Amino acid sequence: NSPCFSQEFSPTSMAYAETQSMFCDSLLGDADW
């Protein structure tokens, strides 16, 4: 209920934020993809 929860800076963990993006790009190396 606030923009403070949805931004890329602290207290947003970089590891948490990058998990979302890196999961998506990990699919490209999969044989079925």
Full PDB file with SEQRES, HELIX, SHEET, SSBOND, CRYST1, ORIGX, SCALE, CONECT and MASTER records, all heavy atoms in Angstrom:
SEQRES   1 A   33  ASN SER PRO CYS PHE SER GLN GLU PHE SER PRO THR SER          
SEQRES   2 A   33  MET ALA TYR ALA GLU THR GLN SER MET PHE CYS ASP SER          
SEQRES   3 A   33  LEU LEU GLY ASP ALA ASP TRP                                  
HELIX    1 AA1 PRO A    3  PHE A    5  5                                   3    
HELIX    2 AA2 MET A   14  SER A   26  1                                  13    
HELIX    3 AA3 LEU A   27  GLY A   29  5                                   3    
CRYST1    1.000    1.000    1.000  90.00  90.00  90.00 P 1           1          
ORIGX1      1.000000  0.000000  0.000000        0.00000                         
ORIGX2      0.000000  1.000000  0.000000        0.00000                         
ORIGX3      0.000000  0.000000  1.000000        0.00000                         
SCALE1      1.000000  0.000000  0.000000        0.00000                         
SCALE2      0.000000  1.000000  0.000000        0.00000                         
SCALE3      0.000000  0.000000  1.000000        0.00000                         
ATOM      1  N   ASN A   1       0.816  -1.216   0.000  1.00  0.00           N  
ATOM      2  CA  ASN A   1       0.000   0.000   0.000  1.00  0.00           C  
ATOM      3  C   ASN A   1       0.848   1.264   0.000  1.00  0.00           C  
ATOM      4  O   ASN A   1       0.391   2.324   0.386  1.00  0.00           O  
ATOM      5  CB  ASN A   1      -0.949   0.009   1.202  1.00  0.00           C  
ATOM      6  CG  ASN A   1      -0.216   0.027   2.532  1.00  0.00           C  
ATOM      7  OD1 ASN A   1       0.989  -0.259   2.596  1.00  0.00           O  
ATOM      8  ND2 ASN A   1      -0.920   0.344   3.607  1.00  0.00           N  
ATOM      9  N   SER A   2       2.097   1.131  -0.480  1.00  0.00           N  
ATOM     10  CA  SER A   2       2.996   2.279  -0.527  1.00  0.00           C  
ATOM     11  C   SER A   2       4.079   2.021  -1.560  1.00  0.00           C  
ATOM     12  O   SER A   2       4.501   0.867  -1.765  1.00  0.00           O  
ATOM     13  CB  SER A   2       3.643   2.497   0.840  1.00  0.00           C  
ATOM     14  OG  SER A   2       4.734   3.404   0.743  1.00  0.00           O  
ATOM     15  N   PRO A   3       4.568   3.080  -2.219  1.00  0.00           N  
ATOM     16  CA  PRO A   3       5.665   2.894  -3.176  1.00  0.00           C  
ATOM     17  C   PRO A   3       6.968   2.452  -2.512  1.00  0.00           C  
ATOM     18  O   PRO A   3       7.886   2.009  -3.207  1.00  0.00           O  
ATOM     19  CB  PRO A   3       5.816   4.272  -3.826  1.00  0.00           C  
ATOM     20  CG  PRO A   3       5.189   5.230  -2.877  1.00  0.00           C  
ATOM     21  CD  PRO A   3       4.085   4.477  -2.202  1.00  0.00           C  
ATOM     22  N   CYS A   4       7.076   2.540  -1.199  1.00  0.00           N  
ATOM     23  CA  CYS A   4       8.328   2.142  -0.544  1.00  0.00           C  
ATOM     24  C   CYS A   4       8.606   0.658  -0.704  1.00  0.00           C  
ATOM     25  O   CYS A   4       9.758   0.225  -0.600  1.00  0.00           O  
ATOM     26  CB  CYS A   4       8.315   2.519   0.941  1.00  0.00           C  
ATOM     27  SG  CYS A   4       7.166   1.582   1.960  1.00  0.00           S  
ATOM     28  N   PHE A   5       7.588  -0.149  -0.981  1.00  0.00           N  
ATOM     29  CA  PHE A   5       7.779  -1.599  -1.097  1.00  0.00           C  
ATOM     30  C   PHE A   5       8.242  -2.016  -2.492  1.00  0.00           C  
ATOM     31  O   PHE A   5       8.715  -3.125  -2.675  1.00  0.00           O  
ATOM     32  CB  PHE A   5       6.477  -2.336  -0.766  1.00  0.00           C  
ATOM     33  CG  PHE A   5       6.019  -2.157   0.649  1.00  0.00           C  
ATOM     34  CD1 PHE A   5       4.853  -1.457   0.930  1.00  0.00           C  
ATOM     35  CD2 PHE A   5       6.749  -2.689   1.705  1.00  0.00           C  
ATOM     36  CE1 PHE A   5       4.417  -1.293   2.237  1.00  0.00           C  
ATOM     37  CE2 PHE A   5       6.317  -2.525   3.010  1.00  0.00           C  
ATOM     38  CZ  PHE A   5       5.152  -1.828   3.288  1.00  0.00           C  
ATOM     39  N   SER A   6       8.084  -1.144  -3.486  1.00  0.00           N  
ATOM     40  CA  SER A   6       8.326  -1.510  -4.880  1.00  0.00           C  
ATOM     41  C   SER A   6       9.362  -0.598  -5.515  1.00  0.00           C  
ATOM     42  O   SER A   6       9.073   0.140  -6.450  1.00  0.00           O  
ATOM     43  CB  SER A   6       7.021  -1.438  -5.682  1.00  0.00           C  
ATOM     44  OG  SER A   6       7.243  -1.780  -7.028  1.00  0.00           O  
ATOM     45  N   GLN A   7      10.570  -0.624  -5.000  1.00  0.00           N  
ATOM     46  CA  GLN A   7      11.658   0.141  -5.611  1.00  0.00           C  
ATOM     47  C   GLN A   7      12.957  -0.639  -5.404  1.00  0.00           C  
ATOM     48  O   GLN A   7      13.040  -1.510  -4.545  1.00  0.00           O  
ATOM     49  CB  GLN A   7      11.730   1.555  -5.042  1.00  0.00           C  
ATOM     50  CG  GLN A   7      11.569   1.681  -3.544  1.00  0.00           C  
ATOM     51  CD  GLN A   7      12.833   1.365  -2.776  1.00  0.00           C  
ATOM     52  OE1 GLN A   7      13.927   1.636  -3.218  1.00  0.00           O  
ATOM     53  NE2 GLN A   7      12.681   0.755  -1.604  1.00  0.00           N  
ATOM     54  N   GLU A   8      13.942  -0.329  -6.243  1.00  0.00           N  
ATOM     55  CA  GLU A   8      15.136  -1.183  -6.316  1.00  0.00           C  
ATOM     56  C   GLU A   8      16.207  -0.837  -5.299  1.00  0.00           C  
ATOM     57  O   GLU A   8      17.253  -1.494  -5.250  1.00  0.00           O  
ATOM     58  CB  GLU A   8      15.735  -1.136  -7.727  1.00  0.00           C  
ATOM     59  CG  GLU A   8      16.195   0.225  -8.175  1.00  0.00           C  
ATOM     60  CD  GLU A   8      15.148   1.005  -8.940  1.00  0.00           C  
ATOM     61  OE1 GLU A   8      13.945   0.882  -8.619  1.00  0.00           O  
ATOM     62  OE2 GLU A   8      15.527   1.755  -9.860  1.00  0.00           O  
ATOM     63  N   PHE A   9      15.988   0.181  -4.475  1.00  0.00           N  
ATOM     64  CA  PHE A   9      17.011   0.609  -3.529  1.00  0.00           C  
ATOM     65  C   PHE A   9      16.700   0.071  -2.130  1.00  0.00           C  
ATOM     66  O   PHE A   9      15.620  -0.466  -1.875  1.00  0.00           O  
ATOM     67  CB  PHE A   9      17.104   2.137  -3.529  1.00  0.00           C  
ATOM     68  CG  PHE A   9      17.217   2.729  -4.909  1.00  0.00           C  
ATOM     69  CD1 PHE A   9      16.236   3.556  -5.425  1.00  0.00           C  
ATOM     70  CD2 PHE A   9      18.302   2.414  -5.722  1.00  0.00           C  
ATOM     71  CE1 PHE A   9      16.335   4.084  -6.711  1.00  0.00           C  
ATOM     72  CE2 PHE A   9      18.410   2.929  -7.012  1.00  0.00           C  
ATOM     73  CZ  PHE A   9      17.427   3.765  -7.505  1.00  0.00           C  
ATOM     74  N   SER A  10      17.644   0.222  -1.220  1.00  0.00           N  
ATOM     75  CA  SER A  10      17.472  -0.290   0.136  1.00  0.00           C  
ATOM     76  C   SER A  10      16.174   0.266   0.736  1.00  0.00           C  
ATOM     77  O   SER A  10      15.823   1.428   0.501  1.00  0.00           O  
ATOM     78  CB  SER A  10      18.658   0.137   1.002  1.00  0.00           C  
ATOM     79  OG  SER A  10      19.835  -0.466   0.533  1.00  0.00           O  
ATOM     80  N   PRO A  11      15.441  -0.600   1.481  1.00  0.00           N  
ATOM     81  CA  PRO A  11      15.838  -1.908   2.013  1.00  0.00           C  
ATOM     82  C   PRO A  11      15.603  -3.089   1.081  1.00  0.00           C  
ATOM     83  O   PRO A  11      15.641  -4.232   1.542  1.00  0.00           O  
ATOM     84  CB  PRO A  11      14.963  -2.034   3.258  1.00  0.00           C  
ATOM     85  CG  PRO A  11      13.717  -1.310   2.894  1.00  0.00           C  
ATOM     86  CD  PRO A  11      14.144  -0.161   2.036  1.00  0.00           C  
ATOM     87  N   THR A  12      15.349  -2.841  -0.206  1.00  0.00           N  
ATOM     88  CA  THR A  12      15.247  -3.958  -1.147  1.00  0.00           C  
ATOM     89  C   THR A  12      16.617  -4.610  -1.302  1.00  0.00           C  
ATOM     90  O   THR A  12      17.581  -3.951  -1.689  1.00  0.00           O  
ATOM     91  CB  THR A  12      14.746  -3.471  -2.512  1.00  0.00           C  
ATOM     92  OG1 THR A  12      13.469  -2.844  -2.352  1.00  0.00           O  
ATOM     93  CG2 THR A  12      14.611  -4.631  -3.487  1.00  0.00           C  
ATOM     94  N   SER A  13      16.708  -5.875  -1.000  1.00  0.00           N  
ATOM     95  CA  SER A  13      17.965  -6.611  -1.143  1.00  0.00           C  
ATOM     96  C   SER A  13      18.288  -6.783  -2.623  1.00  0.00           C  
ATOM     97  O   SER A  13      17.428  -7.168  -3.420  1.00  0.00           O  
ATOM     98  CB  SER A  13      17.824  -7.980  -0.473  1.00  0.00           C  
ATOM     99  OG  SER A  13      18.671  -8.935  -1.052  1.00  0.00           O  
ATOM    100  N   MET A  14      19.540  -6.497  -3.000  1.00  0.00           N  
ATOM    101  CA  MET A  14      19.936  -6.710  -4.389  1.00  0.00           C  
ATOM    102  C   MET A  14      19.826  -8.191  -4.747  1.00  0.00           C  
ATOM    103  O   MET A  14      19.409  -8.548  -5.849  1.00  0.00           O  
ATOM    104  CB  MET A  14      21.365  -6.228  -4.628  1.00  0.00           C  
ATOM    105  CG  MET A  14      21.811  -6.410  -6.077  1.00  0.00           C  
ATOM    106  SD  MET A  14      23.436  -5.712  -6.396  1.00  0.00           S  
ATOM    107  CE  MET A  14      23.724  -6.269  -8.086  1.00  0.00           C  
ATOM    108  N   ALA A  15      20.198  -9.081  -3.814  1.00  0.00           N  
ATOM    109  CA  ALA A  15      20.100 -10.520  -4.080  1.00  0.00           C  
ATOM    110  C   ALA A  15      18.653 -10.907  -4.357  1.00  0.00           C  
ATOM    111  O   ALA A  15      18.370 -11.710  -5.255  1.00  0.00           O  
ATOM    112  CB  ALA A  15      20.658 -11.304  -2.906  1.00  0.00           C  
ATOM    113  N   TYR A  16      17.722 -10.346  -3.583  1.00  0.00           N  
ATOM    114  CA  TYR A  16      16.298 -10.615  -3.803  1.00  0.00           C  
ATOM    115  C   TYR A  16      15.856 -10.097  -5.170  1.00  0.00           C  
ATOM    116  O   TYR A  16      15.208 -10.811  -5.945  1.00  0.00           O  
ATOM    117  CB  TYR A  16      15.479  -9.954  -2.692  1.00  0.00           C  
ATOM    118  CG  TYR A  16      14.030  -9.699  -3.026  1.00  0.00           C  
ATOM    119  CD1 TYR A  16      13.141 -10.755  -3.166  1.00  0.00           C  
ATOM    120  CD2 TYR A  16      13.563  -8.396  -3.218  1.00  0.00           C  
ATOM    121  CE1 TYR A  16      11.802 -10.514  -3.484  1.00  0.00           C  
ATOM    122  CE2 TYR A  16      12.240  -8.148  -3.532  1.00  0.00           C  
ATOM    123  CZ  TYR A  16      11.353  -9.210  -3.666  1.00  0.00           C  
ATOM    124  OH  TYR A  16      10.043  -8.973  -3.983  1.00  0.00           O  
ATOM    125  N   ALA A  17      16.217  -8.859  -5.499  1.00  0.00           N  
ATOM    126  CA  ALA A  17      15.795  -8.273  -6.765  1.00  0.00           C  
ATOM    127  C   ALA A  17      16.372  -9.039  -7.951  1.00  0.00           C  
ATOM    128  O   ALA A  17      15.671  -9.307  -8.936  1.00  0.00           O  
ATOM    129  CB  ALA A  17      16.213  -6.803  -6.832  1.00  0.00           C  
ATOM    130  N   GLU A  18      17.642  -9.431  -7.861  1.00  0.00           N  
ATOM    131  CA  GLU A  18      18.279 -10.128  -8.979  1.00  0.00           C  
ATOM    132  C   GLU A  18      17.794 -11.563  -9.123  1.00  0.00           C  
ATOM    133  O   GLU A  18      17.875 -12.143 -10.208  1.00  0.00           O  
ATOM    134  CB  GLU A  18      19.796 -10.082  -8.832  1.00  0.00           C  
ATOM    135  CG  GLU A  18      20.398  -8.686  -8.943  1.00  0.00           C  
ATOM    136  CD  GLU A  18      20.101  -7.997 -10.265  1.00  0.00           C  
ATOM    137  OE1 GLU A  18      19.925  -8.686 -11.285  1.00  0.00           O  
ATOM    138  OE2 GLU A  18      20.018  -6.753 -10.270  1.00  0.00           O  
ATOM    139  N   THR A  19      17.282 -12.159  -8.057  1.00  0.00           N  
ATOM    140  CA  THR A  19      16.716 -13.504  -8.174  1.00  0.00           C  
ATOM    141  C   THR A  19      15.593 -13.515  -9.205  1.00  0.00           C  
ATOM    142  O   THR A  19      15.453 -14.457  -9.990  1.00  0.00           O  
ATOM    143  CB  THR A  19      16.184 -13.979  -6.817  1.00  0.00           C  
ATOM    144  OG1 THR A  19      17.277 -14.105  -5.900  1.00  0.00           O  
ATOM    145  CG2 THR A  19      15.480 -15.332  -6.924  1.00  0.00           C  
ATOM    146  N   GLN A  20      14.791 -12.441  -9.219  1.00  0.00           N  
ATOM    147  CA  GLN A  20      13.647 -12.389 -10.126  1.00  0.00           C  
ATOM    148  C   GLN A  20      14.095 -12.327 -11.591  1.00  0.00           C  
ATOM    149  O   GLN A  20      13.569 -13.036 -12.447  1.00  0.00           O  
ATOM    150  CB  GLN A  20      12.771 -11.179  -9.794  1.00  0.00           C  
ATOM    151  CG  GLN A  20      12.593 -10.866  -8.324  1.00  0.00           C  
ATOM    152  CD  GLN A  20      12.272 -12.065  -7.467  1.00  0.00           C  
ATOM    153  OE1 GLN A  20      11.461 -12.913  -7.852  1.00  0.00           O  
ATOM    154  NE2 GLN A  20      12.894 -12.157  -6.299  1.00  0.00           N  
ATOM    155  N   SER A  21      15.069 -11.484 -11.866  1.00  0.00           N  
ATOM    156  CA  SER A  21      15.529 -11.315 -13.247  1.00  0.00           C  
ATOM    157  C   SER A  21      16.360 -12.507 -13.712  1.00  0.00           C  
ATOM    158  O   SER A  21      16.225 -12.958 -14.854  1.00  0.00           O  
ATOM    159  CB  SER A  21      16.350 -10.031 -13.356  1.00  0.00           C  
ATOM    160  OG  SER A  21      17.407 -10.030 -12.416  1.00  0.00           O  
ATOM    161  N   MET A  22      17.200 -13.010 -12.829  1.00  0.00           N  
ATOM    162  CA  MET A  22      18.100 -14.097 -13.230  1.00  0.00           C  
ATOM    163  C   MET A  22      17.353 -15.417 -13.384  1.00  0.00           C  
ATOM    164  O   MET A  22      17.766 -16.280 -14.164  1.00  0.00           O  
ATOM    165  CB  MET A  22      19.261 -14.195 -12.243  1.00  0.00           C  
ATOM    166  CG  MET A  22      20.177 -12.967 -12.320  1.00  0.00           C  
ATOM    167  SD  MET A  22      21.414 -12.857 -11.011  1.00  0.00           S  
ATOM    168  CE  MET A  22      22.545 -14.132 -11.516  1.00  0.00           C  
ATOM    169  N   PHE A  23      16.255 -15.577 -12.654  1.00  0.00           N  
ATOM    170  CA  PHE A  23      15.430 -16.760 -12.905  1.00  0.00           C  
ATOM    171  C   PHE A  23      14.911 -16.719 -14.337  1.00  0.00           C  
ATOM    172  O   PHE A  23      14.939 -17.730 -15.054  1.00  0.00           O  
ATOM    173  CB  PHE A  23      14.264 -16.842 -11.921  1.00  0.00           C  
ATOM    174  CG  PHE A  23      13.326 -17.979 -12.231  1.00  0.00           C  
ATOM    175  CD1 PHE A  23      13.605 -19.253 -11.774  1.00  0.00           C  
ATOM    176  CD2 PHE A  23      12.202 -17.783 -13.018  1.00  0.00           C  
ATOM    177  CE1 PHE A  23      12.766 -20.324 -12.103  1.00  0.00           C  
ATOM    178  CE2 PHE A  23      11.355 -18.833 -13.344  1.00  0.00           C  
ATOM    179  CZ  PHE A  23      11.634 -20.113 -12.870  1.00  0.00           C  
ATOM    180  N   CYS A  24      14.438 -15.565 -14.772  1.00  0.00           N  
ATOM    181  CA  CYS A  24      13.877 -15.450 -16.127  1.00  0.00           C  
ATOM    182  C   CYS A  24      14.940 -15.706 -17.195  1.00  0.00           C  
ATOM    183  O   CYS A  24      14.691 -16.421 -18.176  1.00  0.00           O  
ATOM    184  CB  CYS A  24      13.237 -14.087 -16.309  1.00  0.00           C  
ATOM    185  SG  CYS A  24      11.752 -13.834 -15.294  1.00  0.00           S  
ATOM    186  N   ASP A  25      16.141 -15.129 -17.033  1.00  0.00           N  
ATOM    187  CA  ASP A  25      17.141 -15.354 -18.089  1.00  0.00           C  
ATOM    188  C   ASP A  25      17.733 -16.756 -18.014  1.00  0.00           C  
ATOM    189  O   ASP A  25      18.300 -17.250 -18.992  1.00  0.00           O  
ATOM    190  CB  ASP A  25      18.218 -14.268 -18.113  1.00  0.00           C  
ATOM    191  CG  ASP A  25      19.185 -14.277 -16.948  1.00  0.00           C  
ATOM    192  OD1 ASP A  25      19.775 -15.308 -16.655  1.00  0.00           O  
ATOM    193  OD2 ASP A  25      19.391 -13.191 -16.349  1.00  0.00           O  
ATOM    194  N   SER A  26      17.582 -17.442 -16.872  1.00  0.00           N  
ATOM    195  CA  SER A  26      18.099 -18.820 -16.775  1.00  0.00           C  
ATOM    196  C   SER A  26      17.362 -19.760 -17.715  1.00  0.00           C  
ATOM    197  O   SER A  26      17.901 -20.790 -18.137  1.00  0.00           O  
ATOM    198  CB  SER A  26      17.983 -19.342 -15.336  1.00  0.00           C  
ATOM    199  OG  SER A  26      16.649 -19.743 -15.013  1.00  0.00           O  
ATOM    200  N   LEU A  27      16.131 -19.425 -18.074  1.00  0.00           N  
ATOM    201  CA  LEU A  27      15.332 -20.303 -18.931  1.00  0.00           C  
ATOM    202  C   LEU A  27      15.936 -20.448 -20.322  1.00  0.00           C  
ATOM    203  O   LEU A  27      15.736 -21.467 -20.997  1.00  0.00           O  
ATOM    204  CB  LEU A  27      13.907 -19.756 -19.050  1.00  0.00           C  
ATOM    205  CG  LEU A  27      13.124 -19.586 -17.749  1.00  0.00           C  
ATOM    206  CD1 LEU A  27      11.789 -18.908 -18.030  1.00  0.00           C  
ATOM    207  CD2 LEU A  27      12.917 -20.916 -17.049  1.00  0.00           C  
ATOM    208  N   LEU A  28      16.678 -19.430 -20.766  1.00  0.00           N  
ATOM    209  CA  LEU A  28      17.190 -19.424 -22.133  1.00  0.00           C  
ATOM    210  C   LEU A  28      18.183 -20.549 -22.399  1.00  0.00           C  
ATOM    211  O   LEU A  28      18.348 -20.976 -23.538  1.00  0.00           O  
ATOM    212  CB  LEU A  28      17.849 -18.081 -22.439  1.00  0.00           C  
ATOM    213  CG  LEU A  28      16.924 -16.860 -22.405  1.00  0.00           C  
ATOM    214  CD1 LEU A  28      17.714 -15.586 -22.605  1.00  0.00           C  
ATOM    215  CD2 LEU A  28      15.838 -16.987 -23.459  1.00  0.00           C  
ATOM    216  N   GLY A  29      18.854 -21.018 -21.365  1.00  0.00           N  
ATOM    217  CA  GLY A  29      19.823 -22.092 -21.563  1.00  0.00           C  
ATOM    218  C   GLY A  29      19.222 -23.474 -21.487  1.00  0.00           C  
ATOM    219  O   GLY A  29      19.927 -24.474 -21.693  1.00  0.00           O  
ATOM    220  N   ASP A  30      17.926 -23.566 -21.203  1.00  0.00           N  
ATOM    221  CA  ASP A  30      17.289 -24.874 -21.067  1.00  0.00           C  
ATOM    222  C   ASP A  30      17.029 -25.489 -22.434  1.00  0.00           C  
ATOM    223  O   ASP A  30      16.575 -24.811 -23.366  1.00  0.00           O  
ATOM    224  CB  ASP A  30      15.972 -24.747 -20.296  1.00  0.00           C  
ATOM    225  CG  ASP A  30      16.179 -24.379 -18.832  1.00  0.00           C  
ATOM    226  OD1 ASP A  30      17.318 -24.533 -18.349  1.00  0.00           O  
ATOM    227  OD2 ASP A  30      15.209 -23.955 -18.187  1.00  0.00           O  
ATOM    228  N   ALA A  31      17.275 -26.783 -22.539  1.00  0.00           N  
ATOM    229  CA  ALA A  31      17.158 -27.455 -23.834  1.00  0.00           C  
ATOM    230  C   ALA A  31      15.751 -27.358 -24.408  1.00  0.00           C  
ATOM    231  O   ALA A  31      15.573 -27.174 -25.620  1.00  0.00           O  
ATOM    232  CB  ALA A  31      17.572 -28.921 -23.691  1.00  0.00           C  
ATOM    233  N   ASP A  32      14.723 -27.467 -23.558  1.00  0.00           N  
ATOM    234  CA  ASP A  32      13.361 -27.408 -24.099  1.00  0.00           C  
ATOM    235  C   ASP A  32      13.000 -25.991 -24.538  1.00  0.00           C  
ATOM    236  O   ASP A  32      12.241 -25.809 -25.497  1.00  0.00           O  
ATOM    237  CB  ASP A  32      12.336 -27.978 -23.107  1.00  0.00           C  
ATOM    238  CG  ASP A  32      12.372 -27.313 -21.746  1.00  0.00           C  
ATOM    239  OD1 ASP A  32      13.348 -26.606 -21.434  1.00  0.00           O  
ATOM    240  OD2 ASP A  32      11.416 -27.520 -20.961  1.00  0.00           O  
ATOM    241  N   TRP A  33      13.552 -24.961 -23.856  1.00  0.00           N  
ATOM    242  CA  TRP A  33      13.314 -23.589 -24.325  1.00  0.00           C  
ATOM    243  C   TRP A  33      13.970 -23.401 -25.695  1.00  0.00           C  
ATOM    244  O   TRP A  33      13.345 -22.874 -26.628  1.00  0.00           O  
ATOM    245  CB  TRP A  33      13.862 -22.554 -23.340  1.00  0.00           C  
ATOM    246  CG  TRP A  33      13.384 -21.160 -23.663  1.00  0.00           C  
ATOM    247  CD1 TRP A  33      12.298 -20.528 -23.136  1.00  0.00           C  
ATOM    248  CD2 TRP A  33      13.930 -20.270 -24.647  1.00  0.00           C  
ATOM    249  NE1 TRP A  33      12.126 -19.290 -23.724  1.00  0.00           N  
ATOM    250  CE2 TRP A  33      13.110 -19.103 -24.659  1.00  0.00           C  
ATOM    251  CE3 TRP A  33      15.015 -20.328 -25.514  1.00  0.00           C  
ATOM    252  CZ2 TRP A  33      13.359 -18.019 -25.497  1.00  0.00           C  
ATOM    253  CZ3 TRP A  33      15.251 -19.249 -26.366  1.00  0.00           C  
ATOM    254  CH2 TRP A  33      14.443 -18.111 -26.350  1.00  0.00           C  
TER     255      TRP A  33                                                      
MASTER        0    0    0    3    0    0    0    6  254    1    0    3          
END                                                                             
